[in-house]
């Protein structure tokens, strides 16, 4: 999940590192996006709920992407016609 700070977050930028440390698995990166989180979850519904709850706090805008493990990728490729 990539996260970008909102104007609200930037007004309180000194608190950003405290909030980021409170979120497990968040790594600070420079540039775009502002933050990158690698989140493992058993299904997409859990990820959607997490992203929506996080964004509803008003500090970040979220963008999610699905990643496949090498095993999952190999299985997909093997099933191609």
N, C-alpha and C. Protein backbone atom coordinates (compact mmCIF):
# COMPACT_ATOMS: atom_id res chain seq x y z
N UNK A 1 0.85 -1.16 0.00
CA UNK A 1 0.00 0.00 0.00
C UNK A 1 0.90 1.22 0.00
N UNK A 2 0.60 2.15 -0.89
CA UNK A 2 1.32 3.42 -0.85
C UNK A 2 0.42 4.45 -0.19
N UNK A 3 1.05 5.36 0.54
CA UNK A 3 0.31 6.38 1.28
C UNK A 3 0.92 7.74 1.00
N UNK A 4 0.06 8.71 0.81
CA UNK A 4 0.50 10.09 0.65
C UNK A 4 -0.14 10.94 1.73
N UNK A 5 0.66 11.85 2.29
CA UNK A 5 0.16 12.73 3.34
C UNK A 5 -0.90 13.68 2.79
N UNK A 6 -1.90 13.97 3.60
CA UNK A 6 -2.89 14.99 3.27
C UNK A 6 -2.40 16.32 3.82
N UNK A 7 -3.09 17.38 3.45
CA UNK A 7 -2.77 18.70 3.99
C UNK A 7 -2.88 18.70 5.51
N UNK A 8 -3.87 17.99 6.03
CA UNK A 8 -4.05 17.88 7.49
C UNK A 8 -2.80 17.28 8.14
N UNK A 9 -2.26 16.24 7.53
CA UNK A 9 -1.07 15.60 8.09
C UNK A 9 0.13 16.53 8.02
N UNK A 10 0.26 17.25 6.92
CA UNK A 10 1.40 18.14 6.76
C UNK A 10 1.38 19.29 7.75
N UNK A 11 0.18 19.73 8.15
CA UNK A 11 0.10 20.79 9.17
C UNK A 11 0.64 20.30 10.51
N UNK A 12 0.59 18.98 10.73
CA UNK A 12 1.06 18.38 11.97
C UNK A 12 2.20 17.41 11.67
N UNK A 13 3.11 17.80 10.81
CA UNK A 13 4.14 16.90 10.30
C UNK A 13 5.03 16.33 11.41
N UNK A 14 5.20 17.04 12.50
CA UNK A 14 6.03 16.53 13.59
C UNK A 14 5.45 15.28 14.22
N UNK A 15 4.14 15.10 14.10
CA UNK A 15 3.49 13.92 14.66
C UNK A 15 3.50 12.72 13.70
N UNK A 16 3.91 12.95 12.45
CA UNK A 16 3.85 11.89 11.44
C UNK A 16 4.70 10.69 11.83
N UNK A 17 5.92 10.92 12.31
CA UNK A 17 6.78 9.78 12.66
C UNK A 17 6.18 8.97 13.80
N UNK A 18 5.50 9.63 14.73
CA UNK A 18 4.85 8.92 15.83
C UNK A 18 3.74 8.03 15.30
N UNK A 19 2.94 8.58 14.37
CA UNK A 19 1.85 7.79 13.78
C UNK A 19 2.41 6.64 12.96
N UNK A 20 3.47 6.90 12.20
CA UNK A 20 4.05 5.85 11.36
C UNK A 20 4.62 4.72 12.20
N UNK A 21 5.26 5.05 13.33
CA UNK A 21 5.81 4.02 14.20
C UNK A 21 4.70 3.19 14.83
N UNK A 22 3.53 3.79 15.00
CA UNK A 22 2.42 3.07 15.60
C UNK A 22 1.81 2.05 14.64
N UNK A 23 2.07 2.20 13.34
CA UNK A 23 1.55 1.28 12.33
C UNK A 23 2.61 0.23 12.05
N UNK A 24 2.31 -1.01 12.35
CA UNK A 24 3.26 -2.10 12.11
C UNK A 24 3.52 -2.24 10.63
N UNK A 25 4.78 -2.43 10.28
CA UNK A 25 5.14 -2.71 8.90
C UNK A 25 5.26 -1.50 8.00
N UNK A 26 5.27 -0.30 8.54
CA UNK A 26 5.38 0.89 7.71
C UNK A 26 6.84 1.28 7.59
N UNK A 27 7.29 1.46 6.35
CA UNK A 27 8.65 1.90 6.09
C UNK A 27 8.59 3.28 5.46
N UNK A 28 9.42 4.18 5.94
CA UNK A 28 9.47 5.53 5.41
C UNK A 28 10.33 5.53 4.14
N UNK A 29 9.80 6.11 3.07
CA UNK A 29 10.56 6.25 1.84
C UNK A 29 10.46 7.69 1.39
N UNK A 30 11.43 8.14 0.60
CA UNK A 30 11.41 9.51 0.12
C UNK A 30 10.74 9.56 -1.24
N UNK A 31 10.13 10.69 -1.55
CA UNK A 31 9.52 10.88 -2.85
C UNK A 31 8.07 10.47 -2.88
N UNK A 32 7.66 9.96 -4.02
CA UNK A 32 6.26 9.58 -4.21
C UNK A 32 6.20 8.07 -4.26
N UNK A 33 5.54 7.41 -3.40
CA UNK A 33 4.66 7.89 -2.34
C UNK A 33 5.45 8.37 -1.11
N UNK A 34 4.73 9.00 -0.18
CA UNK A 34 5.37 9.47 1.04
C UNK A 34 5.74 8.30 1.95
N UNK A 35 4.88 7.29 2.01
CA UNK A 35 5.12 6.10 2.83
C UNK A 35 4.75 4.87 2.03
N UNK A 36 5.38 3.77 2.35
CA UNK A 36 5.06 2.49 1.73
C UNK A 36 4.87 1.47 2.83
N UNK A 37 3.74 0.77 2.80
CA UNK A 37 3.47 -0.28 3.79
C UNK A 37 3.28 -1.60 3.05
N UNK A 38 3.95 -2.63 3.52
CA UNK A 38 3.74 -3.97 2.98
C UNK A 38 2.88 -4.69 4.00
N UNK A 39 1.67 -5.01 3.58
CA UNK A 39 0.67 -5.59 4.48
C UNK A 39 0.28 -6.96 3.96
N UNK A 40 0.38 -7.96 4.83
CA UNK A 40 -0.06 -9.30 4.47
C UNK A 40 -1.40 -9.56 5.14
N UNK A 41 -2.35 -10.04 4.35
CA UNK A 41 -3.69 -10.29 4.86
C UNK A 41 -4.27 -11.50 4.12
N UNK A 42 -5.13 -12.26 4.78
CA UNK A 42 -5.67 -13.46 4.13
C UNK A 42 -6.61 -13.19 2.96
N UNK A 43 -7.18 -11.97 2.88
CA UNK A 43 -8.08 -11.69 1.76
C UNK A 43 -8.17 -10.20 1.48
N UNK A 44 -8.69 -9.88 0.31
CA UNK A 44 -8.79 -8.49 -0.12
C UNK A 44 -9.76 -7.66 0.71
N UNK A 45 -10.79 -8.31 1.26
CA UNK A 45 -11.74 -7.56 2.10
C UNK A 45 -11.04 -6.94 3.30
N UNK A 46 -10.16 -7.70 3.94
CA UNK A 46 -9.42 -7.18 5.09
C UNK A 46 -8.57 -5.98 4.69
N UNK A 47 -7.95 -6.06 3.52
CA UNK A 47 -7.09 -4.97 3.05
C UNK A 47 -7.93 -3.73 2.77
N UNK A 48 -9.07 -3.91 2.15
CA UNK A 48 -9.95 -2.78 1.85
C UNK A 48 -10.41 -2.10 3.14
N UNK A 49 -10.80 -2.89 4.13
CA UNK A 49 -11.23 -2.33 5.41
C UNK A 49 -10.10 -1.55 6.08
N UNK A 50 -8.89 -2.12 6.05
CA UNK A 50 -7.73 -1.46 6.65
C UNK A 50 -7.45 -0.13 5.95
N UNK A 51 -7.43 -0.14 4.62
CA UNK A 51 -7.14 1.08 3.87
C UNK A 51 -8.20 2.15 4.11
N UNK A 52 -9.46 1.75 4.13
CA UNK A 52 -10.53 2.71 4.36
C UNK A 52 -10.49 3.29 5.77
N UNK A 53 -10.24 2.44 6.75
CA UNK A 53 -10.16 2.93 8.14
C UNK A 53 -8.99 3.89 8.29
N UNK A 54 -7.86 3.54 7.71
CA UNK A 54 -6.66 4.39 7.80
C UNK A 54 -6.92 5.73 7.12
N UNK A 55 -7.48 5.71 5.93
CA UNK A 55 -7.75 6.95 5.20
C UNK A 55 -8.81 7.80 5.89
N UNK A 56 -9.76 7.16 6.57
CA UNK A 56 -10.84 7.90 7.23
C UNK A 56 -10.34 8.79 8.36
N UNK A 57 -9.13 8.52 8.84
CA UNK A 57 -8.56 9.36 9.90
C UNK A 57 -8.11 10.72 9.37
N UNK A 58 -8.00 10.84 8.04
CA UNK A 58 -7.70 12.12 7.43
C UNK A 58 -6.24 12.48 7.28
N UNK A 59 -5.32 11.59 7.61
CA UNK A 59 -3.90 11.92 7.54
C UNK A 59 -3.22 11.45 6.25
N UNK A 60 -3.80 10.43 5.61
CA UNK A 60 -3.20 9.90 4.39
C UNK A 60 -4.27 9.55 3.36
N UNK A 61 -3.83 9.51 2.13
CA UNK A 61 -4.62 8.93 1.04
C UNK A 61 -3.91 7.63 0.69
N UNK A 62 -4.69 6.58 0.50
CA UNK A 62 -4.10 5.26 0.29
C UNK A 62 -4.29 4.78 -1.14
N UNK A 63 -3.38 3.89 -1.55
CA UNK A 63 -3.48 3.21 -2.83
C UNK A 63 -2.95 1.81 -2.60
N UNK A 64 -3.73 0.81 -2.98
CA UNK A 64 -3.32 -0.56 -2.74
C UNK A 64 -2.98 -1.26 -4.05
N UNK A 65 -2.17 -2.30 -3.93
CA UNK A 65 -1.81 -3.15 -5.07
C UNK A 65 -1.67 -4.57 -4.56
N UNK A 66 -2.09 -5.52 -5.35
CA UNK A 66 -1.99 -6.93 -5.00
C UNK A 66 -0.64 -7.45 -5.46
N UNK A 67 0.03 -8.20 -4.62
CA UNK A 67 1.31 -8.84 -4.97
C UNK A 67 1.14 -10.35 -4.87
N UNK A 68 1.78 -11.05 -5.77
CA UNK A 68 1.73 -12.51 -5.76
C UNK A 68 3.10 -13.05 -5.37
N UNK A 69 3.10 -14.12 -4.59
CA UNK A 69 4.36 -14.78 -4.26
C UNK A 69 4.87 -15.47 -5.52
N UNK A 70 6.13 -15.88 -5.52
CA UNK A 70 6.70 -16.57 -6.67
C UNK A 70 5.93 -17.86 -6.95
N UNK A 71 5.55 -18.56 -5.90
CA UNK A 71 4.80 -19.80 -6.07
C UNK A 71 3.45 -19.53 -6.72
N UNK A 72 2.76 -18.48 -6.26
CA UNK A 72 1.46 -18.13 -6.84
C UNK A 72 1.61 -17.73 -8.31
N UNK A 73 2.65 -16.98 -8.61
CA UNK A 73 2.92 -16.55 -9.98
C UNK A 73 3.19 -17.76 -10.88
N UNK A 74 4.02 -18.67 -10.41
CA UNK A 74 4.34 -19.85 -11.19
C UNK A 74 3.10 -20.69 -11.47
N UNK A 75 2.21 -20.77 -10.49
CA UNK A 75 0.96 -21.51 -10.67
C UNK A 75 0.10 -20.84 -11.73
N UNK A 76 -0.01 -19.50 -11.69
CA UNK A 76 -0.78 -18.78 -12.70
C UNK A 76 -0.23 -19.03 -14.09
N UNK A 77 1.10 -18.94 -14.23
CA UNK A 77 1.73 -19.14 -15.53
C UNK A 77 1.52 -20.57 -16.02
N UNK A 78 1.61 -21.53 -15.13
CA UNK A 78 1.41 -22.94 -15.50
C UNK A 78 0.00 -23.20 -16.00
N UNK A 79 -0.97 -22.43 -15.55
CA UNK A 79 -2.36 -22.61 -15.95
C UNK A 79 -2.74 -21.90 -17.24
N UNK A 80 -1.80 -21.16 -17.82
CA UNK A 80 -2.08 -20.46 -19.08
C UNK A 80 -2.27 -21.48 -20.20
N UNK A 81 -3.15 -21.15 -21.17
CA UNK A 81 -3.35 -22.09 -22.30
C UNK A 81 -2.12 -22.16 -23.19
